[in-house]
Amino acid sequence: MQLLLMLVGKTKNSIYCRELDEYRRRINRYFTCETKEIKEGKPGKRESPEAFCRRQGPKLLHEFQKPAGLKLLLDERGKPMTSREFAAFLEKMIMAGHQRLVFFCGGPFGYDPSLRREADHLISLSAMTFPHELARLLLFEQLYRAMTIIKNEPYHY
């Protein structure tokens, strides 16, 4: 099984970078985990977040469609899950024989609805809104936690 984590924008905060590297290392014990940062443009001075997302939509959609695999989009409208439910979901995907899971985490302005239509599953990390760098870290940590739950290893209390 392979994981591809597509991340819009750069992780600039050095503390987040260190933590992401640590969780990536941990995840690689279970999967081949690859990340791809997608450059995001800047909104115009008078451009609304919605207009910016529409303008960026075709580029992000193209990037999302490129890799083969089951497409999982992090989205506030997605299915909320506990850590154990997420682990069960992940285990189901593994058992179904999916060779690659492609997670897509948007940038600070979100993304155009066209990406939601392309996704196989929408997943919510929380009902709360987080900075995109923190959302990345939450995804990485939850992937690691899910694998420790699946393998019955001591991490998830």
N, C-alpha and C. Protein backbone atom coordinates (compact mmCIF):
# COMPACT_ATOMS: atom_id res chain seq x y z
N MET A 1 0.85 -1.18 0.00
CA MET A 1 0.00 0.00 0.00
C MET A 1 0.88 1.24 0.00
N GLN A 2 0.47 2.19 -0.79
CA GLN A 2 1.17 3.47 -0.85
C GLN A 2 0.22 4.59 -0.44
N LEU A 3 0.79 5.59 0.20
CA LEU A 3 0.05 6.81 0.51
C LEU A 3 0.69 7.94 -0.27
N LEU A 4 -0.13 8.76 -0.88
CA LEU A 4 0.33 9.99 -1.49
C LEU A 4 -0.46 11.11 -0.82
N LEU A 5 0.25 12.01 -0.17
CA LEU A 5 -0.38 13.14 0.50
C LEU A 5 -0.10 14.38 -0.33
N MET A 6 -1.14 14.89 -0.98
CA MET A 6 -1.01 16.08 -1.81
C MET A 6 -1.39 17.28 -0.96
N LEU A 7 -0.45 18.21 -0.83
CA LEU A 7 -0.60 19.33 0.09
C LEU A 7 -0.49 20.64 -0.69
N VAL A 8 -1.53 21.45 -0.63
CA VAL A 8 -1.52 22.72 -1.35
C VAL A 8 -0.78 23.75 -0.51
N GLY A 9 0.20 24.39 -1.11
CA GLY A 9 1.00 25.39 -0.42
C GLY A 9 2.18 24.75 0.30
N LYS A 10 3.01 25.58 0.85
CA LYS A 10 4.20 25.12 1.56
C LYS A 10 3.97 25.12 3.05
N THR A 11 4.65 24.21 3.73
CA THR A 11 4.69 24.24 5.19
C THR A 11 5.87 25.13 5.55
N LYS A 12 5.59 26.29 6.08
CA LYS A 12 6.64 27.27 6.36
C LYS A 12 7.13 27.22 7.80
N ASN A 13 6.25 26.87 8.71
CA ASN A 13 6.59 26.85 10.13
C ASN A 13 7.56 25.70 10.41
N SER A 14 8.74 26.01 10.93
CA SER A 14 9.77 24.98 11.14
C SER A 14 9.34 23.93 12.17
N ILE A 15 8.54 24.32 13.14
CA ILE A 15 8.07 23.34 14.13
C ILE A 15 7.16 22.32 13.45
N TYR A 16 6.24 22.79 12.61
CA TYR A 16 5.38 21.86 11.86
C TYR A 16 6.21 20.98 10.94
N CYS A 17 7.21 21.56 10.29
CA CYS A 17 8.07 20.78 9.39
C CYS A 17 8.73 19.62 10.13
N ARG A 18 9.26 19.89 11.31
CA ARG A 18 9.91 18.83 12.10
C ARG A 18 8.92 17.74 12.48
N GLU A 19 7.74 18.15 12.92
CA GLU A 19 6.72 17.17 13.33
C GLU A 19 6.23 16.36 12.13
N LEU A 20 6.02 17.01 11.00
CA LEU A 20 5.60 16.29 9.80
C LEU A 20 6.65 15.25 9.41
N ASP A 21 7.92 15.63 9.47
CA ASP A 21 9.00 14.68 9.15
C ASP A 21 8.99 13.50 10.11
N GLU A 22 8.74 13.76 11.38
CA GLU A 22 8.70 12.68 12.38
C GLU A 22 7.55 11.72 12.10
N TYR A 23 6.36 12.26 11.83
CA TYR A 23 5.23 11.37 11.55
C TYR A 23 5.39 10.65 10.21
N ARG A 24 5.99 11.31 9.23
CA ARG A 24 6.27 10.65 7.95
C ARG A 24 7.18 9.46 8.18
N ARG A 25 8.19 9.63 9.01
CA ARG A 25 9.11 8.54 9.33
C ARG A 25 8.35 7.39 9.99
N ARG A 26 7.47 7.73 10.92
CA ARG A 26 6.69 6.70 11.62
C ARG A 26 5.74 5.97 10.66
N ILE A 27 5.07 6.72 9.80
CA ILE A 27 4.13 6.13 8.84
C ILE A 27 4.85 5.18 7.90
N ASN A 28 6.07 5.52 7.53
CA ASN A 28 6.83 4.69 6.58
C ASN A 28 7.13 3.30 7.14
N ARG A 29 6.90 3.06 8.42
CA ARG A 29 7.02 1.71 8.96
C ARG A 29 5.91 0.82 8.42
N TYR A 30 4.80 1.42 8.01
CA TYR A 30 3.63 0.67 7.56
C TYR A 30 3.37 0.78 6.06
N PHE A 31 3.63 1.93 5.51
CA PHE A 31 3.34 2.23 4.11
C PHE A 31 4.52 2.96 3.49
N THR A 32 4.52 2.99 2.18
CA THR A 32 5.37 3.95 1.48
C THR A 32 4.57 5.25 1.48
N CYS A 33 5.11 6.26 2.10
CA CYS A 33 4.40 7.53 2.25
C CYS A 33 5.16 8.62 1.50
N GLU A 34 4.49 9.17 0.51
CA GLU A 34 5.09 10.20 -0.32
C GLU A 34 4.25 11.47 -0.17
N THR A 35 4.91 12.62 -0.16
CA THR A 35 4.18 13.88 -0.13
C THR A 35 4.51 14.69 -1.37
N LYS A 36 3.53 15.46 -1.79
CA LYS A 36 3.74 16.36 -2.92
C LYS A 36 3.13 17.70 -2.56
N GLU A 37 3.96 18.72 -2.50
CA GLU A 37 3.45 20.07 -2.25
C GLU A 37 3.12 20.71 -3.59
N ILE A 38 1.94 21.28 -3.67
CA ILE A 38 1.47 21.91 -4.89
C ILE A 38 1.49 23.41 -4.68
N LYS A 39 2.20 24.09 -5.54
CA LYS A 39 2.32 25.54 -5.42
C LYS A 39 0.95 26.19 -5.62
N GLU A 40 0.62 27.08 -4.70
CA GLU A 40 -0.64 27.80 -4.80
C GLU A 40 -0.33 29.26 -5.11
N GLY A 41 -1.11 29.83 -6.02
CA GLY A 41 -0.94 31.23 -6.35
C GLY A 41 -1.39 32.13 -5.21
N LYS A 42 -1.29 33.39 -5.45
CA LYS A 42 -1.72 34.38 -4.44
C LYS A 42 -3.02 35.02 -4.92
N PRO A 43 -3.94 35.28 -3.99
CA PRO A 43 -5.17 35.97 -4.40
C PRO A 43 -4.88 37.43 -4.74
N GLY A 44 -5.69 37.95 -5.66
CA GLY A 44 -5.59 39.36 -6.00
C GLY A 44 -6.03 40.22 -4.82
N LYS A 45 -5.64 41.48 -4.83
CA LYS A 45 -5.94 42.37 -3.69
C LYS A 45 -7.44 42.47 -3.40
N ARG A 46 -8.24 42.45 -4.43
CA ARG A 46 -9.69 42.59 -4.24
C ARG A 46 -10.43 41.28 -4.54
N GLU A 47 -9.69 40.21 -4.67
CA GLU A 47 -10.29 38.92 -5.04
C GLU A 47 -10.84 38.23 -3.79
N SER A 48 -12.08 37.82 -3.85
CA SER A 48 -12.68 37.10 -2.72
C SER A 48 -12.08 35.69 -2.64
N PRO A 49 -12.15 35.05 -1.46
CA PRO A 49 -11.67 33.67 -1.37
C PRO A 49 -12.37 32.74 -2.37
N GLU A 50 -13.67 32.95 -2.59
CA GLU A 50 -14.41 32.12 -3.53
C GLU A 50 -13.90 32.31 -4.96
N ALA A 51 -13.67 33.55 -5.34
CA ALA A 51 -13.16 33.83 -6.69
C ALA A 51 -11.75 33.26 -6.85
N PHE A 52 -10.94 33.38 -5.83
CA PHE A 52 -9.60 32.81 -5.87
C PHE A 52 -9.66 31.30 -6.05
N CYS A 53 -10.54 30.64 -5.30
CA CYS A 53 -10.68 29.18 -5.41
C CYS A 53 -11.16 28.78 -6.80
N ARG A 54 -12.08 29.54 -7.38
CA ARG A 54 -12.54 29.25 -8.75
C ARG A 54 -11.40 29.39 -9.74
N ARG A 55 -10.57 30.42 -9.55
CA ARG A 55 -9.45 30.65 -10.46
C ARG A 55 -8.42 29.53 -10.34
N GLN A 56 -8.16 29.08 -9.11
CA GLN A 56 -7.17 28.02 -8.87
C GLN A 56 -7.73 26.63 -9.18
N GLY A 57 -9.07 26.52 -9.24
CA GLY A 57 -9.74 25.24 -9.39
C GLY A 57 -9.20 24.33 -10.49
N PRO A 58 -9.10 24.82 -11.74
CA PRO A 58 -8.63 23.92 -12.81
C PRO A 58 -7.22 23.37 -12.56
N LYS A 59 -6.34 24.18 -12.05
CA LYS A 59 -4.97 23.71 -11.77
C LYS A 59 -4.97 22.64 -10.68
N LEU A 60 -5.68 22.90 -9.58
CA LEU A 60 -5.71 21.92 -8.49
C LEU A 60 -6.43 20.65 -8.91
N LEU A 61 -7.50 20.80 -9.68
CA LEU A 61 -8.23 19.63 -10.17
C LEU A 61 -7.32 18.77 -11.04
N HIS A 62 -6.56 19.41 -11.91
CA HIS A 62 -5.62 18.68 -12.77
C HIS A 62 -4.60 17.90 -11.92
N GLU A 63 -4.07 18.54 -10.90
CA GLU A 63 -3.10 17.88 -10.01
C GLU A 63 -3.74 16.70 -9.28
N PHE A 64 -4.98 16.88 -8.84
CA PHE A 64 -5.70 15.85 -8.10
C PHE A 64 -6.03 14.65 -8.99
N GLN A 65 -6.31 14.90 -10.26
CA GLN A 65 -6.67 13.82 -11.18
C GLN A 65 -5.47 13.01 -11.66
N LYS A 66 -4.28 13.60 -11.64
CA LYS A 66 -3.10 12.95 -12.23
C LYS A 66 -2.76 11.60 -11.61
N PRO A 67 -2.55 11.51 -10.29
CA PRO A 67 -2.09 10.22 -9.77
C PRO A 67 -3.21 9.19 -9.71
N ALA A 68 -2.83 7.95 -9.94
CA ALA A 68 -3.78 6.84 -9.81
C ALA A 68 -4.00 6.56 -8.33
N GLY A 69 -5.16 6.08 -7.99
CA GLY A 69 -5.44 5.69 -6.61
C GLY A 69 -6.80 6.19 -6.16
N LEU A 70 -7.18 5.73 -4.98
CA LEU A 70 -8.43 6.15 -4.35
C LEU A 70 -8.25 7.57 -3.85
N LYS A 71 -9.12 8.48 -4.28
CA LYS A 71 -9.00 9.90 -3.97
C LYS A 71 -9.77 10.25 -2.70
N LEU A 72 -9.05 10.76 -1.70
CA LEU A 72 -9.62 11.11 -0.40
C LEU A 72 -9.36 12.60 -0.16
N LEU A 73 -10.42 13.37 -0.09
CA LEU A 73 -10.30 14.81 0.03
C LEU A 73 -10.65 15.24 1.44
N LEU A 74 -9.76 15.99 2.08
CA LEU A 74 -10.07 16.56 3.39
C LEU A 74 -10.98 17.76 3.15
N ASP A 75 -12.14 17.72 3.80
CA ASP A 75 -13.13 18.75 3.54
C ASP A 75 -14.04 18.89 4.75
N GLU A 76 -14.41 20.13 5.06
CA GLU A 76 -15.27 20.38 6.21
C GLU A 76 -16.64 19.73 6.05
N ARG A 77 -17.04 19.45 4.82
CA ARG A 77 -18.32 18.79 4.57
C ARG A 77 -18.20 17.27 4.57
N GLY A 78 -17.00 16.78 4.80
CA GLY A 78 -16.74 15.35 4.75
C GLY A 78 -17.29 14.59 5.94
N LYS A 79 -17.08 13.29 5.88
CA LYS A 79 -17.57 12.41 6.95
C LYS A 79 -16.69 12.59 8.18
N PRO A 80 -17.30 12.96 9.30
CA PRO A 80 -16.52 13.04 10.54
C PRO A 80 -16.32 11.62 11.10
N MET A 81 -15.15 11.36 11.62
CA MET A 81 -14.84 10.05 12.19
C MET A 81 -14.02 10.20 13.46
N THR A 82 -14.21 9.28 14.38
CA THR A 82 -13.31 9.19 15.52
C THR A 82 -12.02 8.55 15.01
N SER A 83 -11.01 8.52 15.84
CA SER A 83 -9.75 7.88 15.45
C SER A 83 -9.96 6.40 15.16
N ARG A 84 -10.76 5.74 15.97
CA ARG A 84 -11.03 4.31 15.74
C ARG A 84 -11.84 4.10 14.45
N GLU A 85 -12.79 4.97 14.17
CA GLU A 85 -13.55 4.87 12.92
C GLU A 85 -12.65 5.11 11.72
N PHE A 86 -11.74 6.07 11.83
CA PHE A 86 -10.80 6.34 10.74
C PHE A 86 -9.91 5.13 10.52
N ALA A 87 -9.45 4.50 11.61
CA ALA A 87 -8.62 3.29 11.49
C ALA A 87 -9.41 2.18 10.79
N ALA A 88 -10.68 2.01 11.16
CA ALA A 88 -11.51 0.98 10.53
C ALA A 88 -11.70 1.29 9.04
N PHE A 89 -11.90 2.57 8.71
CA PHE A 89 -12.04 3.00 7.32
C PHE A 89 -10.76 2.68 6.55
N LEU A 90 -9.63 3.03 7.12
CA LEU A 90 -8.34 2.78 6.48
C LEU A 90 -8.10 1.28 6.29
N GLU A 91 -8.43 0.50 7.30
CA GLU A 91 -8.25 -0.95 7.21
C GLU A 91 -9.15 -1.53 6.11
N LYS A 92 -10.36 -1.00 6.00
CA LYS A 92 -11.28 -1.45 4.94
C LYS A 92 -10.69 -1.15 3.56
N MET A 93 -10.07 0.01 3.42
CA MET A 93 -9.45 0.37 2.13
C MET A 93 -8.27 -0.56 1.82
N ILE A 94 -7.51 -0.89 2.85
CA ILE A 94 -6.38 -1.81 2.68
C ILE A 94 -6.89 -3.19 2.26
N MET A 95 -7.91 -3.68 2.98
CA MET A 95 -8.46 -5.01 2.71
C MET A 95 -9.14 -5.07 1.33
N ALA A 96 -9.64 -3.95 0.86
CA ALA A 96 -10.29 -3.90 -0.47
C ALA A 96 -9.26 -3.98 -1.59
N GLY A 97 -7.98 -3.92 -1.24
CA GLY A 97 -6.92 -4.09 -2.23
C GLY A 97 -6.49 -2.82 -2.94
N HIS A 98 -6.85 -1.68 -2.40
CA HIS A 98 -6.41 -0.43 -3.02
C HIS A 98 -4.89 -0.34 -2.91
N GLN A 99 -4.24 -0.07 -4.03
CA GLN A 99 -2.78 0.01 -4.06
C GLN A 99 -2.26 1.35 -3.56
N ARG A 100 -3.06 2.39 -3.77
CA ARG A 100 -2.63 3.73 -3.38
C ARG A 100 -3.82 4.54 -2.89
N LEU A 101 -3.61 5.23 -1.78
CA LEU A 101 -4.58 6.19 -1.27
C LEU A 101 -4.00 7.58 -1.49
N VAL A 102 -4.76 8.43 -2.13
CA VAL A 102 -4.32 9.79 -2.43
C VAL A 102 -5.13 10.75 -1.56
N PHE A 103 -4.47 11.31 -0.56
CA PHE A 103 -5.11 12.30 0.32
C PHE A 103 -4.80 13.69 -0.22
N PHE A 104 -5.79 14.56 -0.24
CA PHE A 104 -5.61 15.91 -0.74
C PHE A 104 -6.01 16.88 0.36
N CYS A 105 -5.06 17.73 0.75
CA CYS A 105 -5.27 18.72 1.81
C CYS A 105 -5.11 20.11 1.19
N GLY A 106 -6.18 20.90 1.19
CA GLY A 106 -6.17 22.20 0.55
C GLY A 106 -5.33 23.24 1.28
N GLY A 107 -5.23 24.38 0.64
CA GLY A 107 -4.47 25.49 1.20
C GLY A 107 -5.33 26.34 2.11
N PRO A 108 -4.85 27.53 2.47
CA PRO A 108 -5.56 28.37 3.43
C PRO A 108 -6.92 28.86 2.96
N PHE A 109 -7.17 28.86 1.65
CA PHE A 109 -8.45 29.36 1.14
C PHE A 109 -9.39 28.23 0.73
N GLY A 110 -8.99 27.00 0.95
CA GLY A 110 -9.82 25.87 0.54
C GLY A 110 -9.62 25.58 -0.93
N TYR A 111 -10.69 25.10 -1.60
CA TYR A 111 -10.59 24.77 -3.02
C TYR A 111 -11.96 24.83 -3.66
N ASP A 112 -11.95 24.80 -4.96
CA ASP A 112 -13.16 24.85 -5.76
C ASP A 112 -13.97 23.56 -5.58
N PRO A 113 -15.31 23.67 -5.63
CA PRO A 113 -16.16 22.47 -5.49
C PRO A 113 -15.89 21.37 -6.51
N SER A 114 -15.24 21.68 -7.63
CA SER A 114 -14.95 20.66 -8.63
C SER A 114 -14.09 19.53 -8.04
N LEU A 115 -13.27 19.83 -7.05
CA LEU A 115 -12.46 18.78 -6.42
C LEU A 115 -13.33 17.84 -5.60
N ARG A 116 -14.36 18.36 -4.96
CA ARG A 116 -15.27 17.51 -4.19
C ARG A 116 -15.94 16.49 -5.09
N ARG A 117 -16.32 16.92 -6.28
CA ARG A 117 -16.99 16.02 -7.23
C ARG A 117 -16.04 14.92 -7.71
N GLU A 118 -14.77 15.20 -7.78
CA GLU A 118 -13.77 14.24 -8.27
C GLU A 118 -13.37 13.21 -7.20
N ALA A 119 -13.56 13.56 -5.94
CA ALA A 119 -13.11 12.70 -4.83
C ALA A 119 -13.97 11.45 -4.69
N ASP A 120 -13.31 10.36 -4.29
CA ASP A 120 -14.04 9.13 -3.96
C ASP A 120 -14.65 9.22 -2.57
N HIS A 121 -13.97 9.91 -1.66
CA HIS A 121 -14.46 10.08 -0.29
C HIS A 121 -14.07 11.47 0.21
N LEU A 122 -14.98 12.09 0.96
CA LEU A 122 -14.69 13.34 1.64
C LEU A 122 -14.53 13.01 3.12
N ILE A 123 -13.45 13.49 3.71
CA ILE A 123 -13.15 13.21 5.11
C ILE A 123 -12.99 14.52 5.86
N SER A 124 -13.65 14.61 6.99
CA SER A 124 -13.52 15.78 7.85
C SER A 124 -12.58 15.45 9.01
N LEU A 125 -11.61 16.29 9.25
CA LEU A 125 -10.73 16.11 10.41
C LEU A 125 -11.41 16.59 11.69
N SER A 126 -12.33 17.54 11.55
CA SER A 126 -12.99 18.11 12.71
C SER A 126 -14.08 19.06 12.22
N ALA A 127 -15.01 19.36 13.09
CA ALA A 127 -16.01 20.38 12.76
C ALA A 127 -15.39 21.78 12.87
N MET A 128 -14.23 21.85 13.48
CA MET A 128 -13.53 23.13 13.63
C MET A 128 -12.68 23.42 12.39
N THR A 129 -12.32 24.67 12.23
CA THR A 129 -11.44 25.08 11.14
C THR A 129 -10.03 25.23 11.69
N PHE A 130 -9.04 24.70 10.97
CA PHE A 130 -7.64 24.79 11.38
C PHE A 130 -6.81 25.47 10.30
N PRO A 131 -5.69 26.09 10.67
CA PRO A 131 -4.76 26.56 9.64
C PRO A 131 -4.32 25.35 8.81
N HIS A 132 -4.07 25.58 7.51
CA HIS A 132 -3.77 24.44 6.64
C HIS A 132 -2.52 23.68 7.09
N GLU A 133 -1.54 24.36 7.68
CA GLU A 133 -0.34 23.66 8.15
C GLU A 133 -0.67 22.73 9.32
N LEU A 134 -1.56 23.15 10.19
CA LEU A 134 -1.96 22.31 11.31
C LEU A 134 -2.82 21.14 10.82
N ALA A 135 -3.68 21.39 9.82
CA ALA A 135 -4.50 20.31 9.26
C ALA A 135 -3.60 19.20 8.70
N ARG A 136 -2.50 19.58 8.07
CA ARG A 136 -1.54 18.58 7.56
C ARG A 136 -1.00 17.72 8.69
N LEU A 137 -0.60 18.39 9.75
CA LEU A 137 -0.04 17.67 10.89
C LEU A 137 -1.08 16.73 11.50
N LEU A 138 -2.33 17.20 11.61
CA LEU A 138 -3.40 16.34 12.13
C LEU A 138 -3.59 15.12 11.24
N LEU A 139 -3.56 15.30 9.93
CA LEU A 139 -3.71 14.17 9.01
C LEU A 139 -2.58 13.16 9.22
N PHE A 140 -1.36 13.62 9.26
CA PHE A 140 -0.21 12.73 9.44
C PHE A 140 -0.32 11.97 10.76
N GLU A 141 -0.67 12.69 11.82
CA GLU A 141 -0.77 12.04 13.13
C GLU A 141 -1.89 11.01 13.13
N GLN A 142 -3.02 11.33 12.51
CA GLN A 142 -4.15 10.39 12.49
C GLN A 142 -3.85 9.17 11.62
N LEU A 143 -3.07 9.33 10.57
CA LEU A 143 -2.66 8.17 9.77
C LEU A 143 -1.78 7.25 10.61
N TYR A 144 -0.85 7.84 11.33
CA TYR A 144 0.02 7.02 12.20
C TYR A 144 -0.82 6.35 13.30
N ARG A 145 -1.68 7.12 13.94
CA ARG A 145 -2.52 6.58 15.01
C ARG A 145 -3.38 5.43 14.48
N ALA A 146 -3.96 5.62 13.29
CA ALA A 146 -4.80 4.57 12.70
C ALA A 146 -4.02 3.27 12.53
N MET A 147 -2.79 3.37 12.09
CA MET A 147 -2.01 2.15 11.90
C MET A 147 -1.66 1.48 13.23
N THR A 148 -1.43 2.28 14.26
CA THR A 148 -1.15 1.66 15.57
C THR A 148 -2.41 0.99 16.12
N ILE A 149 -3.58 1.56 15.80
CA ILE A 149 -4.84 0.93 16.21
C ILE A 149 -5.02 -0.39 15.45
N ILE A 150 -4.82 -0.36 14.15
CA ILE A 150 -4.98 -1.55 13.32
C ILE A 150 -4.02 -2.66 13.77
N LYS A 151 -2.79 -2.27 14.08
CA LYS A 151 -1.76 -3.25 14.47
C LYS A 151 -1.79 -3.56 15.97
N ASN A 152 -2.73 -2.94 16.68
CA ASN A 152 -2.86 -3.13 18.13
C ASN A 152 -1.55 -2.80 18.86
N GLU A 153 -0.95 -1.69 18.48
CA GLU A 153 0.29 -1.23 19.09
C GLU A 153 0.00 -0.13 20.10
N PRO A 154 0.85 0.01 21.10
CA PRO A 154 0.58 0.98 22.18
C PRO A 154 0.89 2.43 21.78
N TYR A 155 -0.09 3.11 21.26
CA TYR A 155 0.02 4.56 21.00
C TYR A 155 -1.32 5.19 21.32
N HIS A 156 -2.38 4.54 20.87
CA HIS A 156 -3.74 5.06 21.09
C HIS A 156 -4.25 4.51 22.42
N TYR A 157 -3.75 5.05 23.49
CA TYR A 157 -4.02 4.69 24.88
C TYR A 157 -4.38 3.29 25.12
